[in-house]
N, C-alpha and C. Protein backbone atom coordinates (compact mmCIF):
# COMPACT_ATOMS: atom_id res chain seq x y z
N UNK A 1 67.92 176.85 -40.45
CA UNK A 1 67.10 176.44 -39.32
C UNK A 1 67.96 175.99 -38.15
N UNK A 2 69.04 175.26 -38.46
CA UNK A 2 69.92 174.79 -37.41
C UNK A 2 70.59 175.95 -36.67
N UNK A 3 70.93 177.01 -37.42
CA UNK A 3 71.53 178.20 -36.80
C UNK A 3 70.57 178.84 -35.81
N UNK A 4 69.30 178.87 -36.14
CA UNK A 4 68.29 179.45 -35.26
C UNK A 4 68.17 178.63 -33.99
N UNK A 5 68.17 177.32 -34.12
CA UNK A 5 68.08 176.45 -32.95
C UNK A 5 69.29 176.65 -32.04
N UNK A 6 70.49 176.73 -32.62
CA UNK A 6 71.70 176.97 -31.84
C UNK A 6 71.62 178.30 -31.10
N UNK A 7 71.14 179.34 -31.80
CA UNK A 7 71.01 180.66 -31.17
C UNK A 7 70.00 180.63 -30.03
N UNK A 8 68.89 179.92 -30.22
CA UNK A 8 67.88 179.80 -29.17
C UNK A 8 68.46 179.09 -27.94
N UNK A 9 69.25 178.04 -28.16
CA UNK A 9 69.87 177.33 -27.05
C UNK A 9 70.85 178.22 -26.29
N UNK A 10 71.64 179.00 -27.01
CA UNK A 10 72.58 179.92 -26.36
C UNK A 10 71.82 180.98 -25.56
N UNK A 11 70.80 181.57 -26.15
CA UNK A 11 69.99 182.57 -25.46
C UNK A 11 69.31 181.95 -24.24
N UNK A 12 68.84 180.72 -24.39
CA UNK A 12 68.24 180.01 -23.26
C UNK A 12 69.22 179.83 -22.12
N UNK A 13 70.48 179.54 -22.43
CA UNK A 13 71.49 179.39 -21.37
C UNK A 13 71.74 180.73 -20.68
N UNK A 14 71.67 181.83 -21.43
CA UNK A 14 71.84 183.16 -20.82
C UNK A 14 70.64 183.52 -19.94
N UNK A 15 69.44 183.15 -20.36
CA UNK A 15 68.25 183.39 -19.53
C UNK A 15 68.34 182.56 -18.25
N UNK A 16 68.80 181.33 -18.36
CA UNK A 16 69.01 180.45 -17.21
C UNK A 16 69.97 181.10 -16.22
N UNK A 17 71.08 181.62 -16.72
CA UNK A 17 72.06 182.31 -15.87
C UNK A 17 71.42 183.53 -15.23
N UNK A 18 70.73 184.34 -16.03
CA UNK A 18 70.09 185.55 -15.50
C UNK A 18 69.12 185.20 -14.37
N UNK A 19 68.30 184.18 -14.58
CA UNK A 19 67.30 183.81 -13.58
C UNK A 19 67.94 183.50 -12.22
N UNK A 20 69.01 182.74 -12.23
CA UNK A 20 69.60 182.32 -10.96
C UNK A 20 70.58 183.32 -10.36
N UNK A 21 71.01 184.31 -11.15
CA UNK A 21 71.97 185.28 -10.60
C UNK A 21 71.35 186.63 -10.28
N UNK A 22 70.22 186.94 -10.91
CA UNK A 22 69.63 188.26 -10.73
C UNK A 22 68.29 188.26 -10.01
N UNK A 23 67.66 187.10 -9.88
CA UNK A 23 66.36 187.05 -9.21
C UNK A 23 66.46 186.12 -8.00
N UNK A 24 65.79 186.47 -6.90
CA UNK A 24 65.83 185.60 -5.71
C UNK A 24 65.15 184.25 -5.98
N UNK A 25 65.73 183.20 -5.44
CA UNK A 25 65.15 181.86 -5.55
C UNK A 25 65.09 181.29 -4.14
N UNK A 26 63.94 181.45 -3.50
CA UNK A 26 63.79 181.11 -2.08
C UNK A 26 64.05 179.64 -1.78
N UNK A 27 63.55 178.73 -2.62
CA UNK A 27 63.73 177.32 -2.29
C UNK A 27 65.18 176.86 -2.35
N UNK A 28 66.04 177.61 -3.01
CA UNK A 28 67.48 177.30 -3.02
C UNK A 28 68.27 178.22 -2.08
N UNK A 29 67.59 179.20 -1.50
CA UNK A 29 68.27 180.15 -0.61
C UNK A 29 69.17 181.13 -1.35
N UNK A 30 68.83 181.41 -2.61
CA UNK A 30 69.65 182.31 -3.42
C UNK A 30 69.03 183.70 -3.40
N UNK A 31 69.81 184.69 -2.96
CA UNK A 31 69.35 186.08 -2.96
C UNK A 31 68.28 186.38 -1.95
N UNK A 32 68.20 185.60 -0.90
CA UNK A 32 67.15 185.81 0.09
C UNK A 32 67.69 186.26 1.44
N UNK A 33 68.99 186.47 1.54
CA UNK A 33 69.55 186.91 2.83
C UNK A 33 69.16 188.36 3.10
N UNK A 34 69.18 188.73 4.37
CA UNK A 34 68.79 190.09 4.76
C UNK A 34 69.76 191.13 4.20
N UNK A 35 71.02 190.78 4.17
CA UNK A 35 72.02 191.71 3.64
C UNK A 35 72.97 190.96 2.71
N UNK A 36 73.51 191.68 1.78
CA UNK A 36 74.51 191.12 0.88
C UNK A 36 75.89 191.55 1.34
N UNK A 37 76.84 191.46 0.46
CA UNK A 37 78.19 191.86 0.82
C UNK A 37 79.14 191.62 -0.33
N UNK A 38 80.41 191.76 0.00
CA UNK A 38 81.47 191.58 -1.00
C UNK A 38 82.52 190.65 -0.40
N UNK A 39 82.94 189.65 -1.18
CA UNK A 39 84.04 188.78 -0.78
C UNK A 39 85.06 188.75 -1.90
N UNK A 40 86.24 189.26 -1.63
CA UNK A 40 87.32 189.25 -2.61
C UNK A 40 88.43 188.28 -2.20
N UNK A 41 88.18 187.49 -1.15
CA UNK A 41 89.14 186.50 -0.65
C UNK A 41 88.81 185.14 -1.28
N UNK A 42 89.63 184.67 -2.23
CA UNK A 42 89.31 183.42 -2.91
C UNK A 42 89.15 182.24 -1.94
N UNK A 43 88.13 181.45 -2.17
CA UNK A 43 87.81 180.22 -1.45
C UNK A 43 87.34 180.42 -0.01
N UNK A 44 87.17 181.66 0.44
CA UNK A 44 86.70 181.92 1.80
C UNK A 44 85.24 181.47 1.96
N UNK A 45 84.36 181.90 1.08
CA UNK A 45 82.95 181.54 1.18
C UNK A 45 82.77 180.04 0.98
N UNK A 46 83.56 179.46 0.08
CA UNK A 46 83.49 178.01 -0.13
C UNK A 46 83.77 177.28 1.18
N UNK A 47 84.79 177.71 1.88
CA UNK A 47 85.16 177.09 3.15
C UNK A 47 84.07 177.33 4.20
N UNK A 48 83.52 178.54 4.23
CA UNK A 48 82.44 178.85 5.19
C UNK A 48 81.23 177.96 4.96
N UNK A 49 80.82 177.81 3.70
CA UNK A 49 79.68 176.95 3.37
C UNK A 49 79.97 175.50 3.74
N UNK A 50 81.19 175.05 3.43
CA UNK A 50 81.55 173.67 3.70
C UNK A 50 81.47 173.36 5.20
N UNK A 51 81.91 174.29 6.02
CA UNK A 51 81.89 174.08 7.47
C UNK A 51 80.49 174.25 8.06
N UNK A 52 79.67 175.12 7.49
CA UNK A 52 78.38 175.45 8.07
C UNK A 52 77.28 174.46 7.69
N UNK A 53 77.12 174.18 6.42
CA UNK A 53 75.96 173.41 5.99
C UNK A 53 76.27 172.74 4.66
N UNK A 54 76.19 171.42 4.63
CA UNK A 54 76.51 170.66 3.42
C UNK A 54 75.56 171.00 2.27
N UNK A 55 74.29 171.24 2.57
CA UNK A 55 73.31 171.56 1.52
C UNK A 55 73.69 172.85 0.80
N UNK A 56 74.02 173.89 1.55
CA UNK A 56 74.40 175.16 0.93
C UNK A 56 75.73 175.04 0.19
N UNK A 57 76.61 174.22 0.71
CA UNK A 57 77.89 174.00 0.03
C UNK A 57 77.64 173.39 -1.35
N UNK A 58 76.80 172.36 -1.41
CA UNK A 58 76.51 171.69 -2.68
C UNK A 58 75.79 172.64 -3.64
N UNK A 59 74.78 173.36 -3.13
CA UNK A 59 74.04 174.29 -3.98
C UNK A 59 74.96 175.37 -4.52
N UNK A 60 75.81 175.93 -3.67
CA UNK A 60 76.69 177.02 -4.10
C UNK A 60 77.78 176.53 -5.05
N UNK A 61 78.52 175.50 -4.65
CA UNK A 61 79.68 175.08 -5.45
C UNK A 61 79.24 174.43 -6.77
N UNK A 62 78.44 173.37 -6.66
CA UNK A 62 78.03 172.66 -7.87
C UNK A 62 77.04 173.48 -8.70
N UNK A 63 76.21 174.25 -8.01
CA UNK A 63 75.25 175.09 -8.72
C UNK A 63 75.93 176.14 -9.58
N UNK A 64 76.96 176.78 -9.05
CA UNK A 64 77.68 177.80 -9.82
C UNK A 64 78.42 177.19 -11.01
N UNK A 65 78.95 176.00 -10.84
CA UNK A 65 79.62 175.32 -11.96
C UNK A 65 78.58 174.92 -13.01
N UNK A 66 77.50 174.27 -12.55
CA UNK A 66 76.46 173.80 -13.47
C UNK A 66 75.76 174.95 -14.20
N UNK A 67 75.69 176.09 -13.54
CA UNK A 67 75.02 177.26 -14.12
C UNK A 67 75.66 177.70 -15.43
N UNK A 68 76.98 177.62 -15.52
CA UNK A 68 77.69 178.13 -16.70
C UNK A 68 78.07 177.03 -17.69
N UNK A 69 77.83 175.77 -17.35
CA UNK A 69 78.18 174.70 -18.30
C UNK A 69 77.40 174.79 -19.61
N UNK A 70 76.08 175.04 -19.58
CA UNK A 70 75.39 175.17 -20.88
C UNK A 70 75.94 176.32 -21.73
N UNK A 71 76.28 177.43 -21.08
CA UNK A 71 76.85 178.56 -21.81
C UNK A 71 78.17 178.16 -22.46
N UNK A 72 79.04 177.48 -21.71
CA UNK A 72 80.32 177.03 -22.25
C UNK A 72 80.18 176.02 -23.36
N UNK A 73 79.06 175.30 -23.38
CA UNK A 73 78.78 174.33 -24.43
C UNK A 73 78.17 175.00 -25.67
N UNK A 74 77.15 175.82 -25.46
CA UNK A 74 76.42 176.40 -26.58
C UNK A 74 77.15 177.56 -27.26
N UNK A 75 78.03 178.25 -26.56
CA UNK A 75 78.77 179.36 -27.19
C UNK A 75 79.62 178.88 -28.37
N UNK A 76 80.49 177.89 -28.19
CA UNK A 76 81.27 177.44 -29.36
C UNK A 76 80.42 176.69 -30.39
N UNK A 77 79.32 176.11 -29.95
CA UNK A 77 78.44 175.42 -30.90
C UNK A 77 77.76 176.44 -31.82
N UNK A 78 77.42 177.61 -31.27
CA UNK A 78 76.72 178.63 -32.04
C UNK A 78 77.65 179.43 -32.93
N UNK A 79 78.83 179.76 -32.42
CA UNK A 79 79.78 180.59 -33.16
C UNK A 79 81.04 179.80 -33.47
N UNK A 80 81.26 179.49 -34.74
CA UNK A 80 82.44 178.71 -35.13
C UNK A 80 83.74 179.46 -34.85
N UNK A 81 83.69 180.79 -34.85
CA UNK A 81 84.91 181.57 -34.60
C UNK A 81 85.27 181.62 -33.12
N UNK A 82 84.37 181.12 -32.27
CA UNK A 82 84.64 181.12 -30.82
C UNK A 82 84.72 179.66 -30.36
N UNK A 83 85.66 178.93 -30.94
CA UNK A 83 85.82 177.53 -30.56
C UNK A 83 87.12 177.30 -29.80
N UNK A 84 87.97 178.30 -29.71
CA UNK A 84 89.21 178.15 -28.96
C UNK A 84 88.87 178.07 -27.47
N UNK A 85 89.42 177.07 -26.81
CA UNK A 85 89.11 176.82 -25.41
C UNK A 85 89.32 178.07 -24.54
N UNK A 86 90.48 178.70 -24.67
CA UNK A 86 90.78 179.86 -23.81
C UNK A 86 89.85 181.04 -24.10
N UNK A 87 89.39 181.17 -25.32
CA UNK A 87 88.46 182.25 -25.65
C UNK A 87 87.11 182.01 -24.98
N UNK A 88 86.63 180.78 -25.00
CA UNK A 88 85.36 180.46 -24.33
C UNK A 88 85.50 180.69 -22.83
N UNK A 89 86.61 180.26 -22.25
CA UNK A 89 86.85 180.46 -20.82
C UNK A 89 86.91 181.95 -20.49
N UNK A 90 87.59 182.71 -21.32
CA UNK A 90 87.69 184.16 -21.11
C UNK A 90 86.32 184.83 -21.16
N UNK A 91 85.51 184.48 -22.16
CA UNK A 91 84.17 185.06 -22.28
C UNK A 91 83.30 184.65 -21.10
N UNK A 92 83.40 183.40 -20.66
CA UNK A 92 82.66 182.95 -19.48
C UNK A 92 83.07 183.71 -18.23
N UNK A 93 84.36 183.94 -18.07
CA UNK A 93 84.88 184.71 -16.94
C UNK A 93 84.38 186.16 -17.01
N UNK A 94 84.43 186.76 -18.17
CA UNK A 94 83.97 188.13 -18.36
C UNK A 94 82.48 188.27 -18.03
N UNK A 95 81.67 187.31 -18.49
CA UNK A 95 80.24 187.33 -18.18
C UNK A 95 80.02 187.22 -16.67
N UNK A 96 80.76 186.34 -16.03
CA UNK A 96 80.63 186.17 -14.58
C UNK A 96 81.03 187.45 -13.82
N UNK A 97 82.09 188.09 -14.26
CA UNK A 97 82.52 189.34 -13.62
C UNK A 97 81.45 190.42 -13.79
N UNK A 98 80.85 190.50 -14.98
CA UNK A 98 79.77 191.48 -15.21
C UNK A 98 78.59 191.21 -14.27
N UNK A 99 78.25 189.95 -14.08
CA UNK A 99 77.15 189.59 -13.17
C UNK A 99 77.50 190.01 -11.74
N UNK A 100 78.71 189.71 -11.32
CA UNK A 100 79.12 190.05 -9.95
C UNK A 100 79.13 191.57 -9.74
N UNK A 101 79.55 192.31 -10.76
CA UNK A 101 79.52 193.78 -10.65
C UNK A 101 78.08 194.28 -10.56
N UNK A 102 77.17 193.68 -11.32
CA UNK A 102 75.76 194.07 -11.23
C UNK A 102 75.19 193.75 -9.85
N UNK A 103 75.65 192.67 -9.25
CA UNK A 103 75.15 192.28 -7.93
C UNK A 103 75.64 193.22 -6.82
N UNK A 104 76.64 194.04 -7.11
CA UNK A 104 77.08 195.04 -6.13
C UNK A 104 75.94 195.98 -5.76
N UNK A 105 75.07 196.26 -6.70
CA UNK A 105 73.96 197.19 -6.49
C UNK A 105 72.71 196.51 -5.91
N UNK A 106 72.78 195.20 -5.70
CA UNK A 106 71.61 194.47 -5.18
C UNK A 106 71.81 194.22 -3.68
N UNK A 107 70.96 194.78 -2.84
CA UNK A 107 71.21 194.73 -1.40
C UNK A 107 71.18 193.34 -0.77
N UNK A 108 70.55 192.36 -1.40
CA UNK A 108 70.47 191.03 -0.80
C UNK A 108 71.41 190.03 -1.48
N UNK A 109 72.29 190.50 -2.35
CA UNK A 109 73.18 189.59 -3.10
C UNK A 109 74.62 189.78 -2.66
N UNK A 110 75.38 188.71 -2.75
CA UNK A 110 76.80 188.74 -2.46
C UNK A 110 77.58 188.83 -3.76
N UNK A 111 78.54 189.73 -3.80
CA UNK A 111 79.51 189.79 -4.89
C UNK A 111 80.70 189.00 -4.41
N UNK A 112 80.99 187.90 -5.10
CA UNK A 112 81.93 186.91 -4.56
C UNK A 112 82.92 186.44 -5.63
N UNK A 113 84.19 186.51 -5.32
CA UNK A 113 85.23 186.04 -6.24
C UNK A 113 85.11 184.54 -6.46
N UNK A 114 84.61 183.82 -5.45
CA UNK A 114 84.41 182.37 -5.59
C UNK A 114 83.41 182.07 -6.70
N UNK A 115 82.38 182.90 -6.82
CA UNK A 115 81.40 182.70 -7.89
C UNK A 115 82.06 182.85 -9.26
N UNK A 116 82.95 183.82 -9.39
CA UNK A 116 83.66 184.01 -10.67
C UNK A 116 84.51 182.77 -10.97
N UNK A 117 85.20 182.25 -9.97
CA UNK A 117 86.04 181.06 -10.15
C UNK A 117 85.17 179.86 -10.57
N UNK A 118 84.07 179.65 -9.85
CA UNK A 118 83.20 178.50 -10.12
C UNK A 118 82.47 178.64 -11.46
N UNK A 119 81.98 179.84 -11.77
CA UNK A 119 81.30 180.07 -13.06
C UNK A 119 82.26 179.85 -14.22
N UNK A 120 83.48 180.35 -14.09
CA UNK A 120 84.49 180.18 -15.14
C UNK A 120 84.82 178.70 -15.31
N UNK A 121 84.90 177.97 -14.21
CA UNK A 121 85.13 176.53 -14.27
C UNK A 121 83.98 175.84 -15.02
N UNK A 122 82.75 176.27 -14.76
CA UNK A 122 81.60 175.72 -15.46
C UNK A 122 81.66 175.97 -16.96
N UNK A 123 82.03 177.19 -17.35
CA UNK A 123 82.16 177.50 -18.78
C UNK A 123 83.25 176.63 -19.41
N UNK A 124 84.35 176.43 -18.69
CA UNK A 124 85.44 175.59 -19.19
C UNK A 124 84.98 174.14 -19.36
N UNK A 125 84.26 173.61 -18.37
CA UNK A 125 83.78 172.23 -18.47
C UNK A 125 82.77 172.08 -19.60
N UNK A 126 81.90 173.06 -19.77
CA UNK A 126 80.96 173.03 -20.88
C UNK A 126 81.67 173.00 -22.22
N UNK A 127 82.73 173.78 -22.35
CA UNK A 127 83.52 173.81 -23.59
C UNK A 127 84.22 172.46 -23.81
N UNK A 128 84.72 171.87 -22.74
CA UNK A 128 85.37 170.56 -22.87
C UNK A 128 84.37 169.51 -23.36
N UNK A 129 83.17 169.52 -22.79
CA UNK A 129 82.13 168.58 -23.23
C UNK A 129 81.81 168.83 -24.71
N UNK A 130 81.70 170.10 -25.11
CA UNK A 130 81.45 170.41 -26.52
C UNK A 130 82.56 169.85 -27.39
N UNK A 131 83.81 170.08 -27.02
CA UNK A 131 84.94 169.64 -27.83
C UNK A 131 84.97 168.12 -27.97
N UNK A 132 84.68 167.41 -26.88
CA UNK A 132 84.66 165.94 -26.94
C UNK A 132 83.55 165.46 -27.87
N UNK A 133 82.33 166.00 -27.69
CA UNK A 133 81.21 165.59 -28.54
C UNK A 133 81.43 165.98 -30.01
N UNK A 134 82.03 167.15 -30.22
CA UNK A 134 82.33 167.60 -31.58
C UNK A 134 83.35 166.67 -32.24
N UNK A 135 84.34 166.23 -31.48
CA UNK A 135 85.34 165.30 -32.01
C UNK A 135 84.68 163.97 -32.39
N UNK A 136 83.81 163.44 -31.51
CA UNK A 136 83.09 162.21 -31.83
C UNK A 136 82.25 162.38 -33.09
N UNK A 137 81.60 163.52 -33.20
CA UNK A 137 80.77 163.80 -34.39
C UNK A 137 81.64 163.78 -35.65
N UNK A 138 82.80 164.42 -35.60
CA UNK A 138 83.69 164.47 -36.77
C UNK A 138 84.20 163.08 -37.13
N UNK A 139 84.51 162.26 -36.11
CA UNK A 139 84.97 160.89 -36.38
C UNK A 139 83.86 160.07 -37.04
N UNK A 140 82.65 160.15 -36.49
CA UNK A 140 81.53 159.42 -37.07
C UNK A 140 81.21 159.91 -38.48
N UNK A 141 81.31 161.20 -38.66
CA UNK A 141 81.06 161.78 -39.98
C UNK A 141 82.08 161.25 -40.99
N UNK A 142 83.33 161.13 -40.57
CA UNK A 142 84.38 160.61 -41.45
C UNK A 142 84.15 159.14 -41.77
N UNK A 143 83.78 158.36 -40.76
CA UNK A 143 83.58 156.92 -40.96
C UNK A 143 82.40 156.65 -41.88
N UNK A 144 81.29 157.36 -41.69
CA UNK A 144 80.06 157.06 -42.42
C UNK A 144 79.76 157.98 -43.59
N UNK A 145 80.70 158.82 -43.96
CA UNK A 145 80.40 159.69 -45.09
C UNK A 145 80.35 158.88 -46.37
N UNK A 146 79.53 159.30 -47.30
CA UNK A 146 79.45 158.56 -48.58
C UNK A 146 80.77 158.67 -49.33
N UNK A 147 81.21 157.56 -49.82
CA UNK A 147 82.47 157.53 -50.55
C UNK A 147 82.19 157.51 -52.06
N UNK A 148 83.04 158.18 -52.78
CA UNK A 148 82.95 158.13 -54.24
C UNK A 148 83.47 156.76 -54.68
N UNK A 149 82.80 156.15 -55.65
CA UNK A 149 83.31 154.85 -56.13
C UNK A 149 84.68 155.04 -56.78
N UNK A 150 85.51 154.03 -56.61
CA UNK A 150 86.84 154.11 -57.21
C UNK A 150 86.70 154.09 -58.73
N UNK A 151 87.47 154.91 -59.32
CA UNK A 151 87.41 155.06 -60.77
C UNK A 151 88.13 153.90 -61.44
N UNK A 152 87.51 153.32 -62.40
CA UNK A 152 88.13 152.22 -63.13
C UNK A 152 88.68 152.76 -64.46
N UNK A 153 89.90 152.45 -64.69
CA UNK A 153 90.53 152.87 -65.94
C UNK A 153 90.37 151.76 -66.97
N UNK A 154 90.21 152.14 -68.22
CA UNK A 154 89.95 151.16 -69.29
C UNK A 154 91.07 150.16 -69.42
N UNK A 155 92.31 150.58 -69.29
CA UNK A 155 93.42 149.66 -69.45
C UNK A 155 93.52 148.69 -68.28
N UNK A 156 92.90 149.00 -67.15
CA UNK A 156 92.94 148.12 -65.98
C UNK A 156 91.75 147.16 -65.96
N UNK A 157 90.75 147.43 -66.76
CA UNK A 157 89.53 146.62 -66.74
C UNK A 157 89.72 145.25 -67.36
N UNK A 158 90.73 145.04 -68.18
CA UNK A 158 90.94 143.76 -68.88
C UNK A 158 91.48 142.70 -67.99
């Protein structure tokens, strides 16, 4: 049952990513521009947003990081073989690149290297949070695990 819940949480994080990267969200100004484009110059769009409008800067920068944090958390939680930090970061980066390539065909979306950088950072932060919480869980499990009673030997009982 726990495996099913973990899988549902991971799938939910992927649906969350899909919703905000592939469908327009007017109230956040995502995917609603008249034309899209391509930016392969790292940090250019970040700087443009920062200079133009603080609201869009916050939505773009923190939104892209927050978007991938659940994925970076639930991926190693769901798959024990994918708990290495660099592997989670690599998979997060690969997913982000796939999304950006898909957005090339969407006329109102921007394909942006900054999004890949920010999404990968989000996956990394999610993995770090998982690792910290997993470590606390293991410590608590060690402290409160049931202990076997010490064995008493007959010659020591006297």
